[in-house]
N, C-alpha and C. Protein backbone atom coordinates (compact mmCIF):
# COMPACT_ATOMS: atom_id res chain seq x y z
N MET A 1 -5.61 158.04 17.80
CA MET A 1 -6.06 158.96 16.77
C MET A 1 -6.08 160.37 17.38
N SER A 2 -5.59 161.36 16.64
CA SER A 2 -5.58 162.73 17.14
C SER A 2 -7.00 163.30 17.20
N VAL A 3 -7.15 164.36 17.97
CA VAL A 3 -8.46 165.03 18.04
C VAL A 3 -8.88 165.49 16.65
N TYR A 4 -7.95 166.06 15.89
CA TYR A 4 -8.26 166.52 14.52
C TYR A 4 -8.76 165.36 13.66
N ASP A 5 -8.09 164.21 13.73
CA ASP A 5 -8.52 163.05 12.94
C ASP A 5 -9.90 162.56 13.38
N LEU A 6 -10.16 162.58 14.69
CA LEU A 6 -11.50 162.21 15.17
C LEU A 6 -12.56 163.14 14.60
N ILE A 7 -12.25 164.44 14.59
CA ILE A 7 -13.20 165.42 14.07
C ILE A 7 -13.49 165.16 12.60
N LEU A 8 -12.45 164.86 11.82
CA LEU A 8 -12.65 164.59 10.39
C LEU A 8 -13.42 163.29 10.17
N LYS A 9 -13.23 162.32 11.06
CA LYS A 9 -13.91 161.03 10.95
C LYS A 9 -15.38 161.09 11.38
N ARG A 10 -15.70 162.01 12.27
CA ARG A 10 -17.03 162.06 12.86
C ARG A 10 -18.12 162.30 11.81
N ARG A 11 -19.11 161.44 11.80
CA ARG A 11 -20.30 161.61 10.99
C ARG A 11 -21.50 161.20 11.85
N THR A 12 -22.63 161.73 11.55
CA THR A 12 -23.86 161.34 12.26
C THR A 12 -24.22 159.91 11.86
N ILE A 13 -24.57 159.11 12.85
CA ILE A 13 -24.95 157.72 12.65
C ILE A 13 -26.42 157.57 13.05
N ARG A 14 -27.17 156.87 12.20
CA ARG A 14 -28.61 156.70 12.46
C ARG A 14 -29.05 155.24 12.51
N ARG A 15 -28.11 154.33 12.36
CA ARG A 15 -28.41 152.91 12.47
C ARG A 15 -27.37 152.28 13.38
N PHE A 16 -27.84 151.53 14.37
CA PHE A 16 -26.96 151.04 15.42
C PHE A 16 -27.12 149.53 15.62
N LYS A 17 -26.00 148.88 15.95
CA LYS A 17 -26.06 147.52 16.45
C LYS A 17 -26.66 147.59 17.85
N GLN A 18 -27.04 146.47 18.37
CA GLN A 18 -27.77 146.49 19.64
C GLN A 18 -26.90 146.20 20.86
N ASP A 19 -25.59 146.36 20.72
CA ASP A 19 -24.68 146.22 21.86
C ASP A 19 -24.82 147.42 22.79
N PRO A 20 -24.87 147.19 24.09
CA PRO A 20 -24.97 148.33 25.02
C PRO A 20 -23.66 149.10 25.11
N LEU A 21 -23.76 150.38 25.46
CA LEU A 21 -22.57 151.17 25.74
C LEU A 21 -22.12 150.88 27.16
N PRO A 22 -20.83 150.65 27.37
CA PRO A 22 -20.36 150.44 28.74
C PRO A 22 -20.58 151.69 29.59
N ASP A 23 -20.89 151.46 30.86
CA ASP A 23 -21.08 152.59 31.78
C ASP A 23 -19.85 153.49 31.81
N GLN A 24 -18.66 152.89 31.73
CA GLN A 24 -17.43 153.67 31.78
C GLN A 24 -17.40 154.72 30.65
N VAL A 25 -17.86 154.35 29.46
CA VAL A 25 -17.88 155.29 28.34
C VAL A 25 -18.90 156.39 28.59
N LEU A 26 -20.07 156.03 29.07
CA LEU A 26 -21.10 157.03 29.35
C LEU A 26 -20.64 158.02 30.41
N VAL A 27 -19.99 157.52 31.45
CA VAL A 27 -19.49 158.40 32.50
C VAL A 27 -18.41 159.33 31.95
N ARG A 28 -17.49 158.81 31.14
CA ARG A 28 -16.44 159.64 30.55
C ARG A 28 -17.04 160.71 29.63
N MET A 29 -18.07 160.33 28.88
CA MET A 29 -18.72 161.28 27.99
C MET A 29 -19.29 162.46 28.78
N VAL A 30 -20.07 162.15 29.81
CA VAL A 30 -20.71 163.20 30.59
C VAL A 30 -19.66 164.04 31.32
N ASP A 31 -18.59 163.40 31.77
CA ASP A 31 -17.53 164.16 32.42
C ASP A 31 -16.87 165.11 31.42
N ALA A 32 -16.69 164.67 30.17
CA ALA A 32 -16.15 165.55 29.13
C ALA A 32 -17.12 166.69 28.83
N GLY A 33 -18.42 166.41 28.86
CA GLY A 33 -19.42 167.47 28.68
C GLY A 33 -19.37 168.48 29.81
N ARG A 34 -19.21 168.00 31.02
CA ARG A 34 -19.12 168.86 32.20
C ARG A 34 -17.93 169.81 32.11
N MET A 35 -16.85 169.37 31.50
CA MET A 35 -15.62 170.15 31.43
C MET A 35 -15.57 171.12 30.24
N ALA A 36 -16.63 171.19 29.45
CA ALA A 36 -16.66 172.08 28.29
C ALA A 36 -16.70 173.55 28.74
N PRO A 37 -16.33 174.47 27.85
CA PRO A 37 -16.43 175.89 28.19
C PRO A 37 -17.86 176.27 28.57
N SER A 38 -17.99 177.25 29.47
CA SER A 38 -19.30 177.71 29.90
C SER A 38 -19.26 179.23 30.04
N GLY A 39 -20.18 179.91 29.37
CA GLY A 39 -20.23 181.37 29.43
C GLY A 39 -20.34 181.86 30.87
N GLY A 40 -19.40 182.74 31.27
CA GLY A 40 -19.38 183.26 32.63
C GLY A 40 -19.10 182.19 33.67
N ASN A 41 -18.70 181.01 33.21
CA ASN A 41 -18.48 179.85 34.08
C ASN A 41 -19.71 179.54 34.94
N LEU A 42 -20.89 179.85 34.42
CA LEU A 42 -22.13 179.60 35.18
C LEU A 42 -22.44 178.11 35.32
N GLN A 43 -22.05 177.32 34.32
CA GLN A 43 -22.24 175.87 34.35
C GLN A 43 -23.71 175.47 34.58
N PRO A 44 -24.62 175.91 33.68
CA PRO A 44 -26.02 175.60 33.87
C PRO A 44 -26.44 174.22 33.35
N LEU A 45 -25.52 173.49 32.74
CA LEU A 45 -25.90 172.24 32.10
C LEU A 45 -25.95 171.08 33.09
N GLU A 46 -26.92 170.21 32.86
CA GLU A 46 -27.00 168.93 33.54
C GLU A 46 -27.37 167.90 32.49
N PHE A 47 -27.15 166.62 32.80
CA PHE A 47 -27.29 165.56 31.80
C PHE A 47 -28.07 164.40 32.40
N VAL A 48 -28.97 163.85 31.60
CA VAL A 48 -29.68 162.63 31.98
C VAL A 48 -29.22 161.53 31.04
N VAL A 49 -28.53 160.53 31.59
CA VAL A 49 -28.08 159.38 30.81
C VAL A 49 -29.18 158.33 30.87
N VAL A 50 -29.60 157.86 29.70
CA VAL A 50 -30.66 156.85 29.62
C VAL A 50 -30.11 155.61 28.93
N ASN A 51 -30.04 154.51 29.67
CA ASN A 51 -29.66 153.23 29.08
C ASN A 51 -30.50 152.07 29.61
N ASP A 52 -31.54 152.38 30.34
CA ASP A 52 -32.48 151.38 30.85
C ASP A 52 -33.31 150.85 29.68
N PRO A 53 -33.25 149.55 29.39
CA PRO A 53 -34.00 149.00 28.25
C PRO A 53 -35.50 149.31 28.31
N GLY A 54 -36.03 149.51 29.52
CA GLY A 54 -37.44 149.86 29.65
C GLY A 54 -37.75 151.29 29.25
N LEU A 55 -36.76 152.17 29.32
CA LEU A 55 -36.97 153.58 28.95
C LEU A 55 -36.55 153.90 27.52
N LEU A 56 -35.65 153.10 26.94
CA LEU A 56 -35.14 153.40 25.60
C LEU A 56 -36.25 153.59 24.56
N PRO A 57 -37.28 152.72 24.51
CA PRO A 57 -38.34 152.92 23.51
C PRO A 57 -39.12 154.22 23.71
N GLN A 58 -39.28 154.63 24.96
CA GLN A 58 -40.02 155.86 25.23
C GLN A 58 -39.23 157.09 24.79
N VAL A 59 -37.93 157.07 25.02
CA VAL A 59 -37.10 158.18 24.56
C VAL A 59 -37.06 158.19 23.03
N PHE A 60 -36.90 157.01 22.43
CA PHE A 60 -36.89 156.92 20.96
C PHE A 60 -38.17 157.53 20.38
N ALA A 61 -39.31 157.23 20.98
CA ALA A 61 -40.60 157.73 20.48
C ALA A 61 -40.67 159.26 20.53
N ALA A 62 -39.85 159.89 21.36
CA ALA A 62 -39.87 161.35 21.49
C ALA A 62 -38.87 162.04 20.56
N THR A 63 -38.15 161.26 19.75
CA THR A 63 -37.14 161.84 18.85
C THR A 63 -37.64 161.87 17.42
N ARG A 64 -37.17 162.83 16.66
CA ARG A 64 -37.51 162.98 15.23
C ARG A 64 -36.22 162.89 14.44
N TRP A 65 -36.19 162.09 13.39
CA TRP A 65 -34.95 161.73 12.71
C TRP A 65 -34.92 162.22 11.26
N ALA A 66 -33.78 162.68 10.78
CA ALA A 66 -33.36 162.86 9.39
C ALA A 66 -34.46 163.23 8.40
N ALA A 67 -34.87 164.46 8.44
CA ALA A 67 -35.95 164.91 7.55
C ALA A 67 -35.64 164.69 6.08
N TYR A 68 -34.40 164.89 5.65
CA TYR A 68 -34.05 164.72 4.23
C TYR A 68 -34.26 163.29 3.74
N LEU A 69 -34.12 162.32 4.65
CA LEU A 69 -34.19 160.93 4.24
C LEU A 69 -35.59 160.34 4.32
N GLY A 70 -36.53 161.07 4.89
CA GLY A 70 -37.88 160.54 5.04
C GLY A 70 -37.86 159.32 5.95
N PRO A 71 -38.74 158.35 5.70
CA PRO A 71 -38.81 157.16 6.56
C PRO A 71 -37.50 156.39 6.66
N GLU A 72 -36.66 156.46 5.62
CA GLU A 72 -35.37 155.76 5.64
C GLU A 72 -34.42 156.32 6.70
N GLY A 73 -34.67 157.55 7.15
CA GLY A 73 -33.79 158.16 8.13
C GLY A 73 -34.07 157.76 9.56
N THR A 74 -35.21 157.14 9.80
CA THR A 74 -35.57 156.71 11.15
C THR A 74 -35.14 155.28 11.38
N PRO A 75 -34.36 155.03 12.41
CA PRO A 75 -33.91 153.65 12.67
C PRO A 75 -35.09 152.72 12.90
N LYS A 76 -34.99 151.54 12.32
CA LYS A 76 -36.03 150.53 12.50
C LYS A 76 -35.74 149.72 13.77
N GLU A 77 -36.70 148.93 14.17
CA GLU A 77 -36.49 148.01 15.29
C GLU A 77 -35.23 147.21 15.02
N GLY A 78 -34.39 147.05 16.02
CA GLY A 78 -33.13 146.33 15.85
C GLY A 78 -31.99 147.21 15.35
N GLU A 79 -32.27 148.51 15.08
CA GLU A 79 -31.25 149.47 14.64
C GLU A 79 -31.23 150.72 15.52
N ARG A 80 -32.02 150.69 16.57
CA ARG A 80 -32.21 151.90 17.38
C ARG A 80 -31.07 152.11 18.38
N PRO A 81 -30.92 153.34 18.86
CA PRO A 81 -29.86 153.61 19.83
C PRO A 81 -29.99 152.75 21.08
N THR A 82 -28.83 152.50 21.70
CA THR A 82 -28.83 151.71 22.94
C THR A 82 -28.57 152.57 24.17
N ALA A 83 -28.40 153.87 23.94
CA ALA A 83 -28.27 154.82 25.05
C ALA A 83 -28.55 156.22 24.52
N TYR A 84 -28.89 157.11 25.44
CA TYR A 84 -29.12 158.53 25.12
C TYR A 84 -28.50 159.38 26.22
N VAL A 85 -28.08 160.56 25.86
CA VAL A 85 -27.74 161.58 26.85
C VAL A 85 -28.61 162.79 26.54
N VAL A 86 -29.43 163.18 27.49
CA VAL A 86 -30.31 164.34 27.36
C VAL A 86 -29.61 165.51 28.04
N THR A 87 -29.39 166.59 27.29
CA THR A 87 -28.72 167.77 27.84
C THR A 87 -29.77 168.78 28.27
N LEU A 88 -29.65 169.21 29.53
CA LEU A 88 -30.60 170.15 30.14
C LEU A 88 -29.89 171.46 30.46
N ILE A 89 -30.65 172.56 30.40
CA ILE A 89 -30.16 173.86 30.84
C ILE A 89 -30.99 174.25 32.06
N ASN A 90 -30.31 174.43 33.18
CA ASN A 90 -30.98 174.77 34.44
C ASN A 90 -31.31 176.27 34.41
N ARG A 91 -32.59 176.60 34.28
CA ARG A 91 -33.02 177.99 34.17
C ARG A 91 -32.99 178.73 35.51
N LYS A 92 -32.78 178.04 36.61
CA LYS A 92 -32.55 178.73 37.88
C LYS A 92 -31.12 179.28 37.94
N ILE A 93 -30.21 178.62 37.24
CA ILE A 93 -28.82 179.08 37.18
C ILE A 93 -28.65 180.10 36.07
N ARG A 94 -29.22 179.82 34.93
CA ARG A 94 -29.11 180.73 33.78
C ARG A 94 -30.51 180.91 33.18
N PRO A 95 -31.16 182.05 33.43
CA PRO A 95 -32.54 182.24 32.98
C PRO A 95 -32.73 182.21 31.47
N ASP A 96 -31.69 182.59 30.71
CA ASP A 96 -31.79 182.51 29.26
C ASP A 96 -30.43 182.13 28.69
N GLY A 97 -30.40 181.76 27.42
CA GLY A 97 -29.14 181.37 26.78
C GLY A 97 -28.67 180.00 27.25
N GLY A 98 -27.35 179.80 27.17
CA GLY A 98 -26.76 178.52 27.52
C GLY A 98 -26.61 177.58 26.35
N TYR A 99 -27.05 178.00 25.18
CA TYR A 99 -27.01 177.12 24.01
C TYR A 99 -25.59 176.89 23.51
N HIS A 100 -24.73 177.91 23.64
CA HIS A 100 -23.33 177.72 23.26
C HIS A 100 -22.67 176.70 24.20
N ASP A 101 -22.99 176.80 25.48
CA ASP A 101 -22.48 175.83 26.45
C ASP A 101 -22.89 174.42 26.03
N ALA A 102 -24.15 174.27 25.68
CA ALA A 102 -24.66 172.95 25.30
C ALA A 102 -23.94 172.43 24.06
N GLY A 103 -23.74 173.28 23.05
CA GLY A 103 -23.05 172.84 21.84
C GLY A 103 -21.64 172.35 22.14
N ALA A 104 -20.92 173.10 22.96
CA ALA A 104 -19.55 172.70 23.31
C ALA A 104 -19.55 171.38 24.07
N ALA A 105 -20.45 171.24 25.02
CA ALA A 105 -20.52 170.01 25.83
C ALA A 105 -20.88 168.81 24.97
N ILE A 106 -21.84 168.99 24.08
CA ILE A 106 -22.29 167.87 23.25
C ILE A 106 -21.19 167.44 22.29
N GLU A 107 -20.48 168.39 21.70
CA GLU A 107 -19.38 168.01 20.80
C GLU A 107 -18.31 167.24 21.58
N ASN A 108 -18.00 167.66 22.81
CA ASN A 108 -17.06 166.90 23.63
C ASN A 108 -17.55 165.46 23.81
N MET A 109 -18.82 165.30 24.12
CA MET A 109 -19.37 163.96 24.34
C MET A 109 -19.32 163.12 23.07
N ILE A 110 -19.65 163.73 21.94
CA ILE A 110 -19.61 163.02 20.65
C ILE A 110 -18.21 162.49 20.38
N LEU A 111 -17.19 163.32 20.62
CA LEU A 111 -15.82 162.91 20.33
C LEU A 111 -15.33 161.82 21.29
N VAL A 112 -15.72 161.88 22.55
CA VAL A 112 -15.35 160.82 23.50
C VAL A 112 -16.01 159.50 23.08
N ALA A 113 -17.27 159.56 22.68
CA ALA A 113 -17.96 158.35 22.20
C ALA A 113 -17.26 157.78 20.98
N LEU A 114 -16.93 158.63 20.02
CA LEU A 114 -16.28 158.18 18.79
C LEU A 114 -14.92 157.56 19.08
N GLU A 115 -14.16 158.18 19.97
CA GLU A 115 -12.84 157.64 20.33
C GLU A 115 -12.98 156.22 20.88
N ALA A 116 -14.09 155.94 21.58
CA ALA A 116 -14.33 154.62 22.16
C ALA A 116 -15.00 153.66 21.17
N GLY A 117 -15.27 154.13 19.94
CA GLY A 117 -15.85 153.27 18.91
C GLY A 117 -17.35 153.34 18.77
N PHE A 118 -17.98 154.37 19.35
CA PHE A 118 -19.44 154.48 19.31
C PHE A 118 -19.88 155.65 18.45
N GLY A 119 -20.99 155.47 17.75
CA GLY A 119 -21.55 156.51 16.91
C GLY A 119 -22.63 157.27 17.65
N SER A 120 -22.99 158.43 17.06
CA SER A 120 -23.99 159.27 17.72
C SER A 120 -24.80 160.04 16.69
N CYS A 121 -25.96 160.47 17.15
CA CYS A 121 -26.82 161.36 16.37
C CYS A 121 -27.35 162.42 17.34
N TRP A 122 -27.02 163.67 17.05
CA TRP A 122 -27.42 164.80 17.89
C TRP A 122 -28.79 165.25 17.41
N ILE A 123 -29.79 165.20 18.28
CA ILE A 123 -31.18 165.44 17.88
C ILE A 123 -31.77 166.60 18.69
N ALA A 124 -32.27 167.60 17.97
CA ALA A 124 -32.95 168.72 18.62
C ALA A 124 -34.44 168.75 18.30
N SER A 125 -34.87 167.95 17.32
CA SER A 125 -36.28 167.87 16.98
C SER A 125 -36.90 166.79 17.88
N LEU A 126 -37.62 167.25 18.89
CA LEU A 126 -38.06 166.36 19.97
C LEU A 126 -39.48 166.65 20.40
N ASP A 127 -40.11 165.64 20.97
CA ASP A 127 -41.35 165.84 21.73
C ASP A 127 -40.91 166.08 23.17
N ARG A 128 -40.63 167.33 23.49
CA ARG A 128 -40.08 167.67 24.80
C ARG A 128 -41.07 167.37 25.93
N ASN A 129 -42.35 167.57 25.68
CA ASN A 129 -43.34 167.27 26.73
C ASN A 129 -43.27 165.81 27.14
N ALA A 130 -43.12 164.93 26.16
CA ALA A 130 -43.01 163.50 26.48
C ALA A 130 -41.75 163.21 27.28
N LEU A 131 -40.64 163.87 26.93
CA LEU A 131 -39.39 163.64 27.67
C LEU A 131 -39.49 164.15 29.10
N TYR A 132 -40.10 165.32 29.30
CA TYR A 132 -40.28 165.82 30.66
C TYR A 132 -41.00 164.78 31.51
N LYS A 133 -42.04 164.19 30.94
CA LYS A 133 -42.86 163.24 31.70
C LYS A 133 -42.11 161.92 31.90
N THR A 134 -41.57 161.36 30.82
CA THR A 134 -40.91 160.05 30.89
C THR A 134 -39.71 160.07 31.83
N LEU A 135 -38.90 161.13 31.76
CA LEU A 135 -37.66 161.19 32.53
C LEU A 135 -37.81 161.98 33.83
N GLU A 136 -39.04 162.42 34.13
CA GLU A 136 -39.35 163.14 35.38
C GLU A 136 -38.45 164.36 35.56
N ILE A 137 -38.32 165.15 34.50
CA ILE A 137 -37.47 166.33 34.50
C ILE A 137 -38.26 167.50 35.07
N PRO A 138 -37.75 168.19 36.09
CA PRO A 138 -38.45 169.36 36.64
C PRO A 138 -38.58 170.47 35.59
N GLN A 139 -39.62 171.27 35.72
CA GLN A 139 -39.94 172.28 34.71
C GLN A 139 -38.95 173.44 34.66
N HIS A 140 -38.10 173.61 35.67
CA HIS A 140 -37.14 174.72 35.60
C HIS A 140 -35.91 174.36 34.75
N TYR A 141 -35.94 173.20 34.11
CA TYR A 141 -34.90 172.82 33.15
C TYR A 141 -35.46 172.94 31.74
N GLU A 142 -34.66 173.47 30.83
CA GLU A 142 -34.99 173.43 29.41
C GLU A 142 -34.26 172.26 28.79
N ILE A 143 -34.98 171.44 28.05
CA ILE A 143 -34.34 170.34 27.33
C ILE A 143 -33.73 170.93 26.07
N ASP A 144 -32.41 170.90 26.01
CA ASP A 144 -31.72 171.41 24.82
C ASP A 144 -31.81 170.41 23.68
N SER A 145 -31.33 169.20 23.90
CA SER A 145 -31.27 168.21 22.84
C SER A 145 -30.99 166.84 23.43
N VAL A 146 -31.01 165.85 22.54
CA VAL A 146 -30.75 164.47 22.92
C VAL A 146 -29.63 163.95 22.03
N LEU A 147 -28.69 163.27 22.63
CA LEU A 147 -27.62 162.60 21.90
C LEU A 147 -27.92 161.11 21.91
N ALA A 148 -28.24 160.56 20.73
CA ALA A 148 -28.52 159.14 20.58
C ALA A 148 -27.21 158.42 20.30
N LEU A 149 -27.03 157.24 20.92
CA LEU A 149 -25.72 156.57 20.88
C LEU A 149 -25.84 155.07 20.65
N GLY A 150 -24.79 154.51 20.06
CA GLY A 150 -24.70 153.07 19.89
C GLY A 150 -23.52 152.70 19.02
N VAL A 151 -23.36 151.40 18.83
CA VAL A 151 -22.32 150.89 17.93
C VAL A 151 -22.82 151.11 16.50
N PRO A 152 -22.05 151.77 15.64
CA PRO A 152 -22.52 152.05 14.28
C PRO A 152 -22.84 150.77 13.51
N ALA A 153 -23.97 150.80 12.82
CA ALA A 153 -24.37 149.71 11.93
C ALA A 153 -24.51 150.24 10.51
N GLU A 154 -23.86 151.34 10.22
CA GLU A 154 -23.87 151.91 8.87
C GLU A 154 -22.57 152.68 8.66
N THR A 155 -22.30 153.00 7.41
CA THR A 155 -21.14 153.81 7.06
C THR A 155 -21.64 155.17 6.62
N ALA A 156 -21.00 156.21 7.13
CA ALA A 156 -21.33 157.58 6.72
C ALA A 156 -20.03 158.27 6.31
N VAL A 157 -20.08 158.98 5.18
CA VAL A 157 -18.88 159.62 4.65
C VAL A 157 -19.18 161.08 4.29
N ALA A 158 -18.15 161.91 4.46
CA ALA A 158 -18.24 163.30 4.00
C ALA A 158 -17.74 163.35 2.57
N GLU A 159 -18.32 164.26 1.79
CA GLU A 159 -17.87 164.46 0.41
C GLU A 159 -18.00 165.93 0.07
N PRO A 160 -17.25 166.39 -0.93
CA PRO A 160 -17.35 167.81 -1.29
C PRO A 160 -18.77 168.16 -1.74
N MET A 161 -19.26 169.29 -1.28
CA MET A 161 -20.58 169.76 -1.68
C MET A 161 -20.52 170.24 -3.13
N ARG A 162 -21.50 169.84 -3.89
CA ARG A 162 -21.58 170.29 -5.28
C ARG A 162 -22.80 171.19 -5.45
N ASP A 163 -23.95 170.60 -5.70
CA ASP A 163 -25.15 171.38 -5.98
C ASP A 163 -26.09 171.52 -4.80
N SER A 164 -25.91 170.68 -3.77
CA SER A 164 -26.91 170.63 -2.71
C SER A 164 -26.26 170.27 -1.38
N ILE A 165 -26.87 170.74 -0.30
CA ILE A 165 -26.43 170.37 1.04
C ILE A 165 -27.13 169.11 1.53
N ARG A 166 -28.07 168.59 0.77
CA ARG A 166 -28.88 167.45 1.21
C ARG A 166 -28.04 166.18 1.31
N TYR A 167 -28.07 165.57 2.49
CA TYR A 167 -27.42 164.28 2.64
C TYR A 167 -28.32 163.21 2.07
N TYR A 168 -27.74 162.06 1.73
CA TYR A 168 -28.50 160.99 1.08
C TYR A 168 -27.83 159.64 1.31
N ARG A 169 -28.59 158.58 1.04
CA ARG A 169 -28.05 157.22 1.09
C ARG A 169 -27.96 156.69 -0.34
N ASP A 170 -26.84 156.02 -0.64
CA ASP A 170 -26.70 155.43 -1.97
C ASP A 170 -27.31 154.03 -1.98
N ASP A 171 -27.19 153.33 -3.11
CA ASP A 171 -27.80 152.01 -3.26
C ASP A 171 -27.22 150.97 -2.31
N GLN A 172 -26.00 151.20 -1.83
CA GLN A 172 -25.38 150.27 -0.88
C GLN A 172 -25.69 150.66 0.58
N GLY A 173 -26.48 151.70 0.78
CA GLY A 173 -26.84 152.13 2.12
C GLY A 173 -25.82 153.04 2.79
N VAL A 174 -24.80 153.48 2.03
CA VAL A 174 -23.81 154.40 2.58
C VAL A 174 -24.42 155.78 2.66
N HIS A 175 -24.25 156.40 3.79
CA HIS A 175 -24.81 157.73 4.04
C HIS A 175 -23.78 158.78 3.60
N HIS A 176 -24.14 159.65 2.66
CA HIS A 176 -23.24 160.67 2.11
C HIS A 176 -23.65 162.05 2.64
N VAL A 177 -22.64 162.80 3.12
CA VAL A 177 -22.89 164.11 3.71
C VAL A 177 -22.06 165.15 2.97
N PRO A 178 -22.69 166.00 2.15
CA PRO A 178 -21.93 167.06 1.45
C PRO A 178 -21.44 168.12 2.43
N LYS A 179 -20.18 168.50 2.29
CA LYS A 179 -19.59 169.54 3.13
C LYS A 179 -18.98 170.62 2.24
N ARG A 180 -19.20 171.87 2.61
CA ARG A 180 -18.61 172.98 1.87
C ARG A 180 -17.09 172.92 1.98
N PRO A 181 -16.37 173.28 0.90
CA PRO A 181 -14.91 173.24 0.96
C PRO A 181 -14.35 174.31 1.90
N LEU A 182 -13.14 174.06 2.40
CA LEU A 182 -12.51 174.95 3.37
C LEU A 182 -12.46 176.39 2.87
N ASN A 183 -12.02 176.60 1.64
CA ASN A 183 -11.88 177.98 1.15
C ASN A 183 -13.22 178.67 0.89
N ALA A 184 -14.31 177.93 0.93
CA ALA A 184 -15.63 178.55 0.79
C ALA A 184 -16.11 179.12 2.12
N VAL A 185 -15.49 178.69 3.22
CA VAL A 185 -15.96 179.12 4.54
C VAL A 185 -14.91 179.85 5.36
N ALA A 186 -13.65 179.83 4.93
CA ALA A 186 -12.56 180.39 5.73
C ALA A 186 -11.84 181.49 4.96
N HIS A 187 -11.54 182.58 5.64
CA HIS A 187 -10.89 183.74 5.04
C HIS A 187 -9.68 184.12 5.88
N ARG A 188 -8.66 184.68 5.24
CA ARG A 188 -7.45 185.09 5.96
C ARG A 188 -7.38 186.62 6.04
N ASN A 189 -7.38 187.13 7.24
CA ASN A 189 -7.24 188.56 7.55
C ASN A 189 -8.40 189.42 7.10
N ARG A 190 -8.88 189.24 5.91
CA ARG A 190 -10.02 190.00 5.40
C ARG A 190 -10.96 189.06 4.64
N TYR A 191 -12.22 189.39 4.69
CA TYR A 191 -13.20 188.57 3.98
C TYR A 191 -12.82 188.50 2.50
N GLY A 192 -12.90 187.30 1.94
CA GLY A 192 -12.64 187.13 0.52
C GLY A 192 -11.22 186.71 0.19
N GLN A 193 -10.32 186.79 1.16
CA GLN A 193 -8.95 186.30 0.93
C GLN A 193 -8.86 184.86 1.40
N LYS A 194 -8.37 183.98 0.53
CA LYS A 194 -8.32 182.56 0.83
C LYS A 194 -7.44 182.26 2.03
N LEU A 195 -7.89 181.32 2.83
CA LEU A 195 -7.08 180.83 3.94
C LEU A 195 -5.98 179.90 3.43
N VAL A 196 -6.32 179.08 2.41
CA VAL A 196 -5.40 178.10 1.87
C VAL A 196 -5.29 178.32 0.37
N ASP A 197 -4.06 178.31 -0.15
CA ASP A 197 -3.87 178.46 -1.62
C ASP A 197 -4.07 177.15 -2.31
């Protein structure tokens, strides 16, 4: 599958089968994150991979899921992620910023996971204090976000946005994600000129 096709296929997954992610996939993901663009080539990012069954519940407890869906957006027991990648910004290397670096690295990791057949949910709503303690992260690191991972146990689809940006689940449990059309967000040469006829 081409990179473009992977990007079009990618959707956030919030329900997972309980199969573990192979170490080889986790290593490839983090290596792809490491190779992402970095402002000034400072490379302030570091990653904590969590797949220890004893730590997974503690990391899960520090994550906040899908506000639009309410309780339905939070994975239940038996649907929770089987691995996480926590992205850190080393403030000794870069005292401020680094968020663009993190975004590029995380998207690389998401696409490597998807290519290998694994779904992900990028989470920035976190109990960071709990993560610092649970994962023994030194205070000179800023926790950017957590990437939750596993084998998808749900279907998520993109659809044209109509009246609302709110994602939702239908009666069959399919997760629908409204997306703005290309010509609503892209302009050619000057603002207001369509990119595509």
